[in-house]
Amino acid sequence: MSKDRILPLEGVHNFRDYGGYVTTNGGRVKRGVLWRSGQHVDATEDDLGRIAELDLKHVIDFRGRSERTSYPCRRHEDFGAQVLFYDGETAALAPHVEAAEGVLDVESAHAKMEALYSRLPQREPVLHVMRLYFDALSKGEGASLVHCLAGKDRTGMAVALLHHTLGVHWDDAMEDFLLTNTAGNIEARVAAGAVAVRDKWGNISDDTIRVLMGVDERYLAAMRKAVEAEYGSLDAFLKDVLGVDEERREALRLHLVEA
């Protein structure tokens, strides 16, 4: 089922449907309404046409102001979705670029990515966009797209938390998270990431770049461990920090889960 999730585009990486997973109540997350991707600055005209066919109602953009300025999203002439974002910086640098500082090899890159994921739940600008994300989806107004720069770290955390909210098993949420490593044109995505990383930090090896531009089970596990250490559970974090109480969970299930 992983291949049919991917929308093959030329200039937008990691664009895919994250619905379709079974939930604990025997339902299934709807297909065709939940989309995730990386940034759209290199979208071709054909890409824009295919994205327009999705009839998006909300685009949730986790990038900060400088990222949006440096990598402005191209839009179809008929684009009419509401774009939700934080009017400031959600991170000093894109997470994969931030994690590259001082890395010497593949293992240190993994360690830096784990540490970064453990801090993501503490970043208020990121949490602000998370709240916008859950609020928009709970309204049930139609299809949505969530993205950041590479579509894997801030976006990956948001998608995993939504999956948990809808009753998707953690193993399936992890499977979706790991699809970043195989979705679409991996080599083009790694090459694009390499430019940003090396512009900032110099000559980092290809193997290390590949780690920074991919994902690993350890990263999402580090996020969950940090949340549970601070709040006791993902559910408590969702309720107390992101405002996803039982009423909002029910609204999300109503709009996003089918029997």
C-alpha atoms as a PDB file:
ATOM      1  CA  MET A   1       0.000   0.000   0.000  1.00  0.00           C
ATOM      2  CA  SER A   2       2.991   2.338   0.438  1.00  0.00           C
ATOM      3  CA  LYS A   3       3.485   2.981  -3.282  1.00  0.00           C
ATOM      4  CA  ASP A   4      -0.107   4.028  -3.902  1.00  0.00           C
ATOM      5  CA  ARG A   5       0.213   6.651  -1.165  1.00  0.00           C
ATOM      6  CA  ILE A   6       2.798   8.619  -3.111  1.00  0.00           C
ATOM      7  CA  LEU A   7       1.816  11.392  -5.491  1.00  0.00           C
ATOM      8  CA  PRO A   8       4.694  11.363  -7.993  1.00  0.00           C
ATOM      9  CA  LEU A   9       5.685  14.966  -8.634  1.00  0.00           C
ATOM     10  CA  GLU A  10       8.736  16.395 -10.374  1.00  0.00           C
ATOM     11  CA  GLY A  11       9.658  19.304  -8.115  1.00  0.00           C
ATOM     12  CA  VAL A  12       7.941  18.596  -4.787  1.00  0.00           C
ATOM     13  CA  HIS A  13       9.474  15.883  -2.635  1.00  0.00           C
ATOM     14  CA  ASN A  14       7.853  13.431  -0.234  1.00  0.00           C
ATOM     15  CA  PHE A  15       4.271  14.214  -1.307  1.00  0.00           C
ATOM     16  CA  ARG A  16       1.976  11.475  -0.051  1.00  0.00           C
ATOM     17  CA  ASP A  17      -1.365  10.450   1.451  1.00  0.00           C
ATOM     18  CA  TYR A  18      -1.137   9.518   5.128  1.00  0.00           C
ATOM     19  CA  GLY A  19      -4.642   8.100   5.437  1.00  0.00           C
ATOM     20  CA  GLY A  20      -5.740   4.491   5.072  1.00  0.00           C
ATOM     21  CA  TYR A  21      -4.508   3.095   8.385  1.00  0.00           C
ATOM     22  CA  VAL A  22      -6.753   0.929  10.583  1.00  0.00           C
ATOM     23  CA  THR A  23      -7.842   2.450  13.906  1.00  0.00           C
ATOM     24  CA  THR A  24      -8.465   0.845  17.277  1.00  0.00           C
ATOM     25  CA  ASN A  25     -12.256   1.055  16.938  1.00  0.00           C
ATOM     26  CA  GLY A  26     -12.193  -0.968  13.722  1.00  0.00           C
ATOM     27  CA  GLY A  27     -12.427   2.023  11.419  1.00  0.00           C
ATOM     28  CA  ARG A  28      -9.947   3.284   8.867  1.00  0.00           C
ATOM     29  CA  VAL A  29      -8.466   6.734   8.336  1.00  0.00           C
ATOM     30  CA  LYS A  30      -9.920   8.225   5.164  1.00  0.00           C
ATOM     31  CA  ARG A  31      -7.833   8.332   2.008  1.00  0.00           C
ATOM     32  CA  GLY A  32      -7.544  11.382  -0.213  1.00  0.00           C
ATOM     33  CA  VAL A  33      -8.021  13.993   2.503  1.00  0.00           C
ATOM     34  CA  LEU A  34      -4.736  13.934   4.433  1.00  0.00           C
ATOM     35  CA  TRP A  35      -1.603  14.896   2.507  1.00  0.00           C
ATOM     36  CA  ARG A  36       1.976  15.666   3.552  1.00  0.00           C
ATOM     37  CA  SER A  37       5.032  16.913   1.662  1.00  0.00           C
ATOM     38  CA  GLY A  38       8.173  18.986   1.592  1.00  0.00           C
ATOM     39  CA  GLN A  39       8.381  22.581   0.300  1.00  0.00           C
ATOM     40  CA  HIS A  40       7.060  23.613  -3.108  1.00  0.00           C
ATOM     41  CA  VAL A  41       9.521  26.170  -4.421  1.00  0.00           C
ATOM     42  CA  ASP A  42      10.535  23.929  -7.343  1.00  0.00           C
ATOM     43  CA  ALA A  43       7.026  22.753  -8.240  1.00  0.00           C
ATOM     44  CA  THR A  44       6.498  22.474 -11.986  1.00  0.00           C
ATOM     45  CA  GLU A  45       3.340  23.561 -13.779  1.00  0.00           C
ATOM     46  CA  ASP A  46       2.319  19.913 -14.009  1.00  0.00           C
ATOM     47  CA  ASP A  47       2.918  19.532 -10.266  1.00  0.00           C
ATOM     48  CA  LEU A  48       0.725  22.527  -9.520  1.00  0.00           C
ATOM     49  CA  GLY A  49      -2.023  21.090 -11.688  1.00  0.00           C
ATOM     50  CA  ARG A  50      -1.930  17.737  -9.899  1.00  0.00           C
ATOM     51  CA  ILE A  51      -1.961  19.413  -6.493  1.00  0.00           C
ATOM     52  CA  ALA A  52      -4.908  21.599  -7.570  1.00  0.00           C
ATOM     53  CA  GLU A  53      -6.881  18.429  -8.334  1.00  0.00           C
ATOM     54  CA  LEU A  54      -6.710  17.527  -4.624  1.00  0.00           C
ATOM     55  CA  ASP A  55      -8.986  20.516  -3.843  1.00  0.00           C
ATOM     56  CA  LEU A  56      -7.114  21.435  -0.684  1.00  0.00           C
ATOM     57  CA  LYS A  57      -8.968  23.514   1.896  1.00  0.00           C
ATOM     58  CA  HIS A  58      -6.090  23.966   4.352  1.00  0.00           C
ATOM     59  CA  VAL A  59      -2.315  24.071   3.971  1.00  0.00           C
ATOM     60  CA  ILE A  60      -0.481  23.880   7.298  1.00  0.00           C
ATOM     61  CA  ASP A  61       3.075  25.161   6.879  1.00  0.00           C
ATOM     62  CA  PHE A  62       5.493  24.436   9.730  1.00  0.00           C
ATOM     63  CA  ARG A  63       8.286  26.519   8.247  1.00  0.00           C
ATOM     64  CA  GLY A  64       9.396  29.753   9.844  1.00  0.00           C
ATOM     65  CA  ARG A  65       9.452  33.158   8.202  1.00  0.00           C
ATOM     66  CA  SER A  66      13.013  32.897   6.860  1.00  0.00           C
ATOM     67  CA  GLU A  67      12.323  29.470   5.343  1.00  0.00           C
ATOM     68  CA  ARG A  68       9.155  30.731   3.672  1.00  0.00           C
ATOM     69  CA  THR A  69      11.101  33.712   2.320  1.00  0.00           C
ATOM     70  CA  SER A  70      13.994  31.610   1.024  1.00  0.00           C
ATOM     71  CA  TYR A  71      11.775  28.845  -0.379  1.00  0.00           C
ATOM     72  CA  PRO A  72       8.461  30.466  -1.367  1.00  0.00           C
ATOM     73  CA  CYS A  73       5.802  27.938  -2.327  1.00  0.00           C
ATOM     74  CA  ARG A  74       4.585  28.087  -5.893  1.00  0.00           C
ATOM     75  CA  ARG A  75       0.792  28.056  -6.210  1.00  0.00           C
ATOM     76  CA  HIS A  76      -1.658  27.134  -8.948  1.00  0.00           C
ATOM     77  CA  GLU A  77      -3.576  30.100 -10.368  1.00  0.00           C
ATOM     78  CA  ASP A  78      -6.765  28.665  -8.842  1.00  0.00           C
ATOM     79  CA  PHE A  79      -5.208  28.014  -5.426  1.00  0.00           C
ATOM     80  CA  GLY A  80      -7.735  28.890  -2.736  1.00  0.00           C
ATOM     81  CA  ALA A  81      -6.695  26.965   0.370  1.00  0.00           C
ATOM     82  CA  GLN A  82      -6.256  28.708   3.715  1.00  0.00           C
ATOM     83  CA  VAL A  83      -2.557  28.712   4.599  1.00  0.00           C
ATOM     84  CA  LEU A  84      -1.824  28.382   8.322  1.00  0.00           C
ATOM     85  CA  PHE A  85       1.615  29.205   9.741  1.00  0.00           C
ATOM     86  CA  TYR A  86       3.512  30.922  12.532  1.00  0.00           C
ATOM     87  CA  ASP A  87       4.488  34.512  11.714  1.00  0.00           C
ATOM     88  CA  GLY A  88       8.019  34.190  13.036  1.00  0.00           C
ATOM     89  CA  GLU A  89      10.643  31.479  13.274  1.00  0.00           C
ATOM     90  CA  THR A  90       9.604  27.930  14.159  1.00  0.00           C
ATOM     91  CA  ALA A  91      13.284  26.956  14.280  1.00  0.00           C
ATOM     92  CA  ALA A  92      16.557  28.813  13.969  1.00  0.00           C
ATOM     93  CA  LEU A  93      17.269  26.505  11.022  1.00  0.00           C
ATOM     94  CA  ALA A  94      15.421  23.672   9.311  1.00  0.00           C
ATOM     95  CA  PRO A  95      15.847  20.668  11.653  1.00  0.00           C
ATOM     96  CA  HIS A  96      18.064  18.672   9.291  1.00  0.00           C
ATOM     97  CA  VAL A  97      20.307  21.729   8.828  1.00  0.00           C
ATOM     98  CA  GLU A  98      20.344  22.479  12.549  1.00  0.00           C
ATOM     99  CA  ALA A  99      21.307  18.890  13.359  1.00  0.00           C
ATOM    100  CA  ALA A 100      24.244  19.056  10.937  1.00  0.00           C
ATOM    101  CA  GLU A 101      26.208  21.491  13.099  1.00  0.00           C
ATOM    102  CA  GLY A 102      29.370  19.810  14.336  1.00  0.00           C
ATOM    103  CA  VAL A 103      28.553  16.331  13.032  1.00  0.00           C
ATOM    104  CA  LEU A 104      31.606  14.281  12.164  1.00  0.00           C
ATOM    105  CA  ASP A 105      30.118  10.988  11.014  1.00  0.00           C
ATOM    106  CA  VAL A 106      26.955   8.966  10.543  1.00  0.00           C
ATOM    107  CA  GLU A 107      26.552   8.007  14.218  1.00  0.00           C
ATOM    108  CA  SER A 108      26.927  11.556  15.466  1.00  0.00           C
ATOM    109  CA  ALA A 109      24.330  12.631  12.893  1.00  0.00           C
ATOM    110  CA  HIS A 110      21.891  10.036  14.265  1.00  0.00           C
ATOM    111  CA  ALA A 111      22.572  11.257  17.804  1.00  0.00           C
ATOM    112  CA  LYS A 112      21.994  14.891  16.830  1.00  0.00           C
ATOM    113  CA  MET A 113      18.705  14.009  15.121  1.00  0.00           C
ATOM    114  CA  GLU A 114      17.508  12.107  18.190  1.00  0.00           C
ATOM    115  CA  ALA A 115      18.363  15.064  20.404  1.00  0.00           C
ATOM    116  CA  LEU A 116      16.552  17.409  18.051  1.00  0.00           C
ATOM    117  CA  TYR A 117      13.390  15.298  18.109  1.00  0.00           C
ATOM    118  CA  SER A 118      13.443  15.214  21.901  1.00  0.00           C
ATOM    119  CA  ARG A 119      13.356  19.034  21.884  1.00  0.00           C
ATOM    120  CA  LEU A 120      10.653  19.521  19.234  1.00  0.00           C
ATOM    121  CA  PRO A 121       7.775  19.146  21.755  1.00  0.00           C
ATOM    122  CA  GLN A 122       9.249  22.059  23.731  1.00  0.00           C
ATOM    123  CA  ARG A 123       9.341  24.554  20.863  1.00  0.00           C
ATOM    124  CA  GLU A 124       6.398  26.873  21.336  1.00  0.00           C
ATOM    125  CA  PRO A 125       6.321  28.164  17.723  1.00  0.00           C
ATOM    126  CA  VAL A 126       6.111  24.555  16.519  1.00  0.00           C
ATOM    127  CA  LEU A 127       3.366  23.852  19.060  1.00  0.00           C
ATOM    128  CA  HIS A 128       1.490  26.941  17.848  1.00  0.00           C
ATOM    129  CA  VAL A 129       1.332  25.481  14.342  1.00  0.00           C
ATOM    130  CA  MET A 130       0.354  22.092  15.816  1.00  0.00           C
ATOM    131  CA  ARG A 131      -2.673  23.742  17.422  1.00  0.00           C
ATOM    132  CA  LEU A 132      -3.622  25.350  14.104  1.00  0.00           C
ATOM    133  CA  TYR A 133      -3.267  21.941  12.440  1.00  0.00           C
ATOM    134  CA  PHE A 134      -5.557  20.087  14.843  1.00  0.00           C
ATOM    135  CA  ASP A 135      -8.086  22.930  14.849  1.00  0.00           C
ATOM    136  CA  ALA A 136      -8.279  23.053  11.052  1.00  0.00           C
ATOM    137  CA  LEU A 137      -8.657  19.292  10.656  1.00  0.00           C
ATOM    138  CA  SER A 138     -11.340  19.092  13.360  1.00  0.00           C
ATOM    139  CA  LYS A 139     -13.576  21.386  11.277  1.00  0.00           C
ATOM    140  CA  GLY A 140     -13.945  18.785   8.542  1.00  0.00           C
ATOM    141  CA  GLU A 141     -13.896  21.298   5.692  1.00  0.00           C
ATOM    142  CA  GLY A 142     -12.073  19.064   3.219  1.00  0.00           C
ATOM    143  CA  ALA A 143      -8.618  17.920   2.203  1.00  0.00           C
ATOM    144  CA  SER A 144      -5.523  19.320   3.872  1.00  0.00           C
ATOM    145  CA  LEU A 145      -1.777  19.381   3.288  1.00  0.00           C
ATOM    146  CA  VAL A 146       0.789  19.610   6.080  1.00  0.00           C
ATOM    147  CA  HIS A 147       4.399  20.359   5.193  1.00  0.00           C
ATOM    148  CA  CYS A 148       7.669  21.913   6.316  1.00  0.00           C
ATOM    149  CA  LEU A 149      10.950  22.207   4.417  1.00  0.00           C
ATOM    150  CA  ALA A 150      11.809  18.520   3.918  1.00  0.00           C
ATOM    151  CA  GLY A 151       8.430  17.195   5.053  1.00  0.00           C
ATOM    152  CA  LYS A 152       9.848  14.768   7.585  1.00  0.00           C
ATOM    153  CA  ASP A 153      10.663  16.245  11.028  1.00  0.00           C
ATOM    154  CA  ARG A 154       8.142  18.878  12.132  1.00  0.00           C
ATOM    155  CA  THR A 155       5.671  17.339   9.703  1.00  0.00           C
ATOM    156  CA  GLY A 156       6.560  13.837  10.922  1.00  0.00           C
ATOM    157  CA  MET A 157       5.811  14.745  14.530  1.00  0.00           C
ATOM    158  CA  ALA A 158       2.469  16.334  13.603  1.00  0.00           C
ATOM    159  CA  VAL A 159       1.353  13.354  11.530  1.00  0.00           C
ATOM    160  CA  ALA A 160       2.363  10.839  14.228  1.00  0.00           C
ATOM    161  CA  LEU A 161       0.370  12.767  16.836  1.00  0.00           C
ATOM    162  CA  LEU A 162      -2.677  12.929  14.574  1.00  0.00           C
ATOM    163  CA  HIS A 163      -2.432   9.201  13.899  1.00  0.00           C
ATOM    164  CA  HIS A 164      -2.320   8.574  17.646  1.00  0.00           C
ATOM    165  CA  THR A 165      -5.331  10.829  18.169  1.00  0.00           C
ATOM    166  CA  LEU A 166      -7.329   8.905  15.564  1.00  0.00           C
ATOM    167  CA  GLY A 167      -6.464   5.540  17.116  1.00  0.00           C
ATOM    168  CA  VAL A 168      -3.815   4.379  14.649  1.00  0.00           C
ATOM    169  CA  HIS A 169      -1.431   1.861  16.232  1.00  0.00           C
ATOM    170  CA  TRP A 170       2.030   3.240  16.951  1.00  0.00           C
ATOM    171  CA  ASP A 171       3.620   0.633  14.670  1.00  0.00           C
ATOM    172  CA  ASP A 172       1.531   1.876  11.747  1.00  0.00           C
ATOM    173  CA  ALA A 173       2.304   5.496  12.602  1.00  0.00           C
ATOM    174  CA  MET A 174       5.968   4.562  12.579  1.00  0.00           C
ATOM    175  CA  GLU A 175       5.558   2.834   9.206  1.00  0.00           C
ATOM    176  CA  ASP A 176       4.166   6.044   7.767  1.00  0.00           C
ATOM    177  CA  PHE A 177       6.987   8.053   9.335  1.00  0.00           C
ATOM    178  CA  LEU A 178       9.603   5.788   7.755  1.00  0.00           C
ATOM    179  CA  LEU A 179       8.099   6.108   4.269  1.00  0.00           C
ATOM    180  CA  THR A 180      10.144   9.297   3.974  1.00  0.00           C
ATOM    181  CA  ASN A 181      13.112   7.017   3.274  1.00  0.00           C
ATOM    182  CA  THR A 182      11.520   5.489   0.178  1.00  0.00           C
ATOM    183  CA  ALA A 183       8.882   7.969  -1.052  1.00  0.00           C
ATOM    184  CA  GLY A 184       9.479   9.642  -4.395  1.00  0.00           C
ATOM    185  CA  ASN A 185      12.824  10.709  -5.827  1.00  0.00           C
ATOM    186  CA  ILE A 186      15.104  10.090  -2.855  1.00  0.00           C
ATOM    187  CA  GLU A 187      18.302  11.083  -4.637  1.00  0.00           C
ATOM    188  CA  ALA A 188      16.885  14.445  -5.684  1.00  0.00           C
ATOM    189  CA  ARG A 189      15.718  15.134  -2.130  1.00  0.00           C
ATOM    190  CA  VAL A 190      19.103  14.196  -0.665  1.00  0.00           C
ATOM    191  CA  ALA A 191      20.856  16.387  -3.232  1.00  0.00           C
ATOM    192  CA  ALA A 192      18.613  19.345  -2.409  1.00  0.00           C
ATOM    193  CA  GLY A 193      19.267  18.897   1.293  1.00  0.00           C
ATOM    194  CA  ALA A 194      22.994  18.638   0.718  1.00  0.00           C
ATOM    195  CA  VAL A 195      23.094  22.115  -0.793  1.00  0.00           C
ATOM    196  CA  ALA A 196      21.480  23.741   2.259  1.00  0.00           C
ATOM    197  CA  VAL A 197      23.549  21.754   4.756  1.00  0.00           C
ATOM    198  CA  ARG A 198      26.891  22.372   3.038  1.00  0.00           C
ATOM    199  CA  ASP A 199      26.134  26.038   2.451  1.00  0.00           C
ATOM    200  CA  LYS A 200      25.792  26.394   6.222  1.00  0.00           C
ATOM    201  CA  TRP A 201      28.356  23.949   7.613  1.00  0.00           C
ATOM    202  CA  GLY A 202      30.857  23.120   4.884  1.00  0.00           C
ATOM    203  CA  ASN A 203      31.947  19.794   3.450  1.00  0.00           C
ATOM    204  CA  ILE A 204      29.893  17.080   5.173  1.00  0.00           C
ATOM    205  CA  SER A 205      30.105  13.550   3.776  1.00  0.00           C
ATOM    206  CA  ASP A 206      27.453  12.092   1.494  1.00  0.00           C
ATOM    207  CA  ASP A 207      26.667   9.323   4.002  1.00  0.00           C
ATOM    208  CA  THR A 208      26.087  11.866   6.747  1.00  0.00           C
ATOM    209  CA  ILE A 209      23.879  14.007   4.487  1.00  0.00           C
ATOM    210  CA  ARG A 210      21.808  10.915   3.750  1.00  0.00           C
ATOM    211  CA  VAL A 211      21.225  10.395   7.487  1.00  0.00           C
ATOM    212  CA  LEU A 212      20.202  14.019   7.964  1.00  0.00           C
ATOM    213  CA  MET A 213      17.788  13.890   5.027  1.00  0.00           C
ATOM    214  CA  GLY A 214      16.199  10.608   6.137  1.00  0.00           C
ATOM    215  CA  VAL A 215      14.371   9.386   9.220  1.00  0.00           C
ATOM    216  CA  ASP A 216      14.935   6.599  11.715  1.00  0.00           C
ATOM    217  CA  GLU A 217      12.741   4.857  14.292  1.00  0.00           C
ATOM    218  CA  ARG A 218      14.969   6.293  17.000  1.00  0.00           C
ATOM    219  CA  TYR A 219      13.935   9.852  16.128  1.00  0.00           C
ATOM    220  CA  LEU A 220      10.185   9.478  16.587  1.00  0.00           C
ATOM    221  CA  ALA A 221      10.801   7.289  19.638  1.00  0.00           C
ATOM    222  CA  ALA A 222      12.909  10.115  21.113  1.00  0.00           C
ATOM    223  CA  MET A 223      10.019  12.544  20.631  1.00  0.00           C
ATOM    224  CA  ARG A 224       7.591  10.183  22.333  1.00  0.00           C
ATOM    225  CA  LYS A 225       9.989   9.461  25.202  1.00  0.00           C
ATOM    226  CA  ALA A 226      10.477  13.193  25.827  1.00  0.00           C
ATOM    227  CA  VAL A 227       6.724  13.822  25.835  1.00  0.00           C
ATOM    228  CA  GLU A 228       6.036  10.937  28.209  1.00  0.00           C
ATOM    229  CA  ALA A 229       8.826  12.039  30.548  1.00  0.00           C
ATOM    230  CA  GLU A 230       7.396  15.571  30.739  1.00  0.00           C
ATOM    231  CA  TYR A 231       3.624  14.965  30.564  1.00  0.00           C
ATOM    232  CA  GLY A 232       3.127  11.289  31.397  1.00  0.00           C
ATOM    233  CA  SER A 233       1.572  10.294  28.064  1.00  0.00           C
ATOM    234  CA  LEU A 234       0.926  11.411  24.507  1.00  0.00           C
ATOM    235  CA  ASP A 235      -2.741  11.805  25.431  1.00  0.00           C
ATOM    236  CA  ALA A 236      -1.928  14.226  28.255  1.00  0.00           C
ATOM    237  CA  PHE A 237       0.339  16.229  25.961  1.00  0.00           C
ATOM    238  CA  LEU A 238      -2.355  16.400  23.290  1.00  0.00           C
ATOM    239  CA  LYS A 239      -4.980  17.541  25.798  1.00  0.00           C
ATOM    240  CA  ASP A 240      -2.994  19.869  28.053  1.00  0.00           C
ATOM    241  CA  VAL A 241      -0.586  21.403  25.546  1.00  0.00           C
ATOM    242  CA  LEU A 242      -2.276  21.156  22.144  1.00  0.00           C
ATOM    243  CA  GLY A 243      -5.892  21.483  23.248  1.00  0.00           C
ATOM    244  CA  VAL A 244      -6.961  18.153  21.763  1.00  0.00           C
ATOM    245  CA  ASP A 245      -9.536  17.215  24.390  1.00  0.00           C
ATOM    246  CA  GLU A 246     -12.129  14.468  24.005  1.00  0.00           C
ATOM    247  CA  GLU A 247     -14.550  16.773  22.187  1.00  0.00           C
ATOM    248  CA  ARG A 248     -11.925  17.675  19.601  1.00  0.00           C
ATOM    249  CA  ARG A 249     -10.810  14.048  19.272  1.00  0.00           C
ATOM    250  CA  GLU A 250     -14.392  13.067  18.516  1.00  0.00           C
ATOM    251  CA  ALA A 251     -14.635  15.783  15.866  1.00  0.00           C
ATOM    252  CA  LEU A 252     -11.383  14.584  14.278  1.00  0.00           C
ATOM    253  CA  ARG A 253     -12.576  10.982  14.250  1.00  0.00           C
ATOM    254  CA  LEU A 254     -15.938  12.032  12.818  1.00  0.00           C
ATOM    255  CA  HIS A 255     -14.341  13.815   9.877  1.00  0.00           C
ATOM    256  CA  LEU A 256     -11.278  11.658   9.265  1.00  0.00           C
ATOM    257  CA  VAL A 257     -12.216   8.051  10.140  1.00  0.00           C
ATOM    258  CA  GLU A 258     -14.646   5.860   8.211  1.00  0.00           C
ATOM    259  CA  ALA A 259     -16.208   2.550   9.201  1.00  0.00           C
END
